[in-house]
Amino acid sequence: MIEEPSVRTTGYGQNSFRFEAARVWNSLPPDLRRSDNYNEFRRLVRTWTGPKCKCSLCRL
């Protein structure tokens, strides 16, 4: 697991790439995180239907 960085503001801190990247990585299923082969990881990520990203970039 990746530790989510501490943030001081909800508007900017929780919408930052660092915060969202850690949140999404931690929400991946364990078998996907343990994948040691890049092509296998890509295949699994493409079929994964994880949480919707709430960052401002993904809402465009």
C-alpha atoms as a PDB file:
ATOM      1  CA  MET A   1       0.000   0.000   0.000  1.00  0.00           C
ATOM      2  CA  ILE A   2       1.079   3.531  -0.663  1.00  0.00           C
ATOM      3  CA  GLU A   3       0.569   6.020   2.122  1.00  0.00           C
ATOM      4  CA  GLU A   4      -1.761   8.809   1.059  1.00  0.00           C
ATOM      5  CA  PRO A   5      -0.066  12.176   1.561  1.00  0.00           C
ATOM      6  CA  SER A   6      -1.469  14.457   4.211  1.00  0.00           C
ATOM      7  CA  VAL A   7      -3.325  17.435   2.811  1.00  0.00           C
ATOM      8  CA  ARG A   8      -4.360  20.752   4.294  1.00  0.00           C
ATOM      9  CA  THR A   9      -7.108  21.651   1.857  1.00  0.00           C
ATOM     10  CA  THR A  10      -9.911  19.689   0.319  1.00  0.00           C
ATOM     11  CA  GLY A  11     -10.097  21.796  -2.828  1.00  0.00           C
ATOM     12  CA  TYR A  12      -6.478  21.451  -3.885  1.00  0.00           C
ATOM     13  CA  GLY A  13      -4.872  18.803  -1.691  1.00  0.00           C
ATOM     14  CA  GLN A  14      -7.370  16.017  -2.247  1.00  0.00           C
ATOM     15  CA  ASN A  15      -7.554  16.840  -5.949  1.00  0.00           C
ATOM     16  CA  SER A  16      -3.794  16.641  -6.426  1.00  0.00           C
ATOM     17  CA  PHE A  17      -2.228  13.949  -8.578  1.00  0.00           C
ATOM     18  CA  ARG A  18      -0.190  12.601  -5.640  1.00  0.00           C
ATOM     19  CA  PHE A  19      -3.282  12.102  -3.496  1.00  0.00           C
ATOM     20  CA  GLU A  20      -5.419  10.582  -6.265  1.00  0.00           C
ATOM     21  CA  ALA A  21      -2.626   8.300  -7.523  1.00  0.00           C
ATOM     22  CA  ALA A  22      -2.124   6.847  -4.041  1.00  0.00           C
ATOM     23  CA  ARG A  23      -5.871   6.408  -3.571  1.00  0.00           C
ATOM     24  CA  VAL A  24      -6.341   4.635  -6.902  1.00  0.00           C
ATOM     25  CA  TRP A  25      -3.262   2.405  -6.402  1.00  0.00           C
ATOM     26  CA  ASN A  26      -4.506   1.374  -2.956  1.00  0.00           C
ATOM     27  CA  SER A  27      -7.918   0.497  -4.386  1.00  0.00           C
ATOM     28  CA  LEU A  28      -6.450  -1.951  -6.922  1.00  0.00           C
ATOM     29  CA  PRO A  29      -7.121  -5.621  -6.216  1.00  0.00           C
ATOM     30  CA  PRO A  30      -4.131  -7.403  -4.604  1.00  0.00           C
ATOM     31  CA  ASP A  31      -3.503  -9.695  -7.590  1.00  0.00           C
ATOM     32  CA  LEU A  32      -3.231  -6.664  -9.855  1.00  0.00           C
ATOM     33  CA  ARG A  33      -0.800  -4.866  -7.514  1.00  0.00           C
ATOM     34  CA  ARG A  34       1.366  -7.983  -7.224  1.00  0.00           C
ATOM     35  CA  SER A  35       1.670  -8.433 -10.980  1.00  0.00           C
ATOM     36  CA  ASP A  36       5.366  -8.434 -11.882  1.00  0.00           C
ATOM     37  CA  ASN A  37       4.876  -8.560 -15.642  1.00  0.00           C
ATOM     38  CA  TYR A  38       4.107  -5.275 -17.411  1.00  0.00           C
ATOM     39  CA  ASN A  39       1.924  -6.831 -20.127  1.00  0.00           C
ATOM     40  CA  GLU A  40      -0.055  -8.808 -17.547  1.00  0.00           C
ATOM     41  CA  PHE A  41      -0.517  -5.629 -15.482  1.00  0.00           C
ATOM     42  CA  ARG A  42      -1.788  -3.727 -18.527  1.00  0.00           C
ATOM     43  CA  ARG A  43      -4.249  -6.490 -19.389  1.00  0.00           C
ATOM     44  CA  LEU A  44      -5.588  -6.610 -15.832  1.00  0.00           C
ATOM     45  CA  VAL A  45      -5.867  -2.809 -15.570  1.00  0.00           C
ATOM     46  CA  ARG A  46      -7.870  -2.634 -18.782  1.00  0.00           C
ATOM     47  CA  THR A  47     -10.441  -5.067 -17.407  1.00  0.00           C
ATOM     48  CA  TRP A  48     -10.547  -3.500 -13.933  1.00  0.00           C
ATOM     49  CA  THR A  49     -13.620  -1.409 -13.169  1.00  0.00           C
ATOM     50  CA  GLY A  50     -12.350   0.460 -10.157  1.00  0.00           C
ATOM     51  CA  PRO A  51     -13.586   3.613  -8.468  1.00  0.00           C
ATOM     52  CA  LYS A  52     -14.361   6.691 -10.477  1.00  0.00           C
ATOM     53  CA  CYS A  53     -11.590   9.239 -10.302  1.00  0.00           C
ATOM     54  CA  LYS A  54     -12.770  12.481  -8.706  1.00  0.00           C
ATOM     55  CA  CYS A  55      -9.903  14.681  -9.834  1.00  0.00           C
ATOM     56  CA  SER A  56     -10.611  17.729 -11.964  1.00  0.00           C
ATOM     57  CA  LEU A  57      -8.639  16.331 -14.927  1.00  0.00           C
ATOM     58  CA  CYS A  58     -10.831  13.241 -15.222  1.00  0.00           C
ATOM     59  CA  ARG A  59     -14.012  15.293 -15.143  1.00  0.00           C
ATOM     60  CA  LEU A  60     -13.122  17.064 -18.398  1.00  0.00           C
END
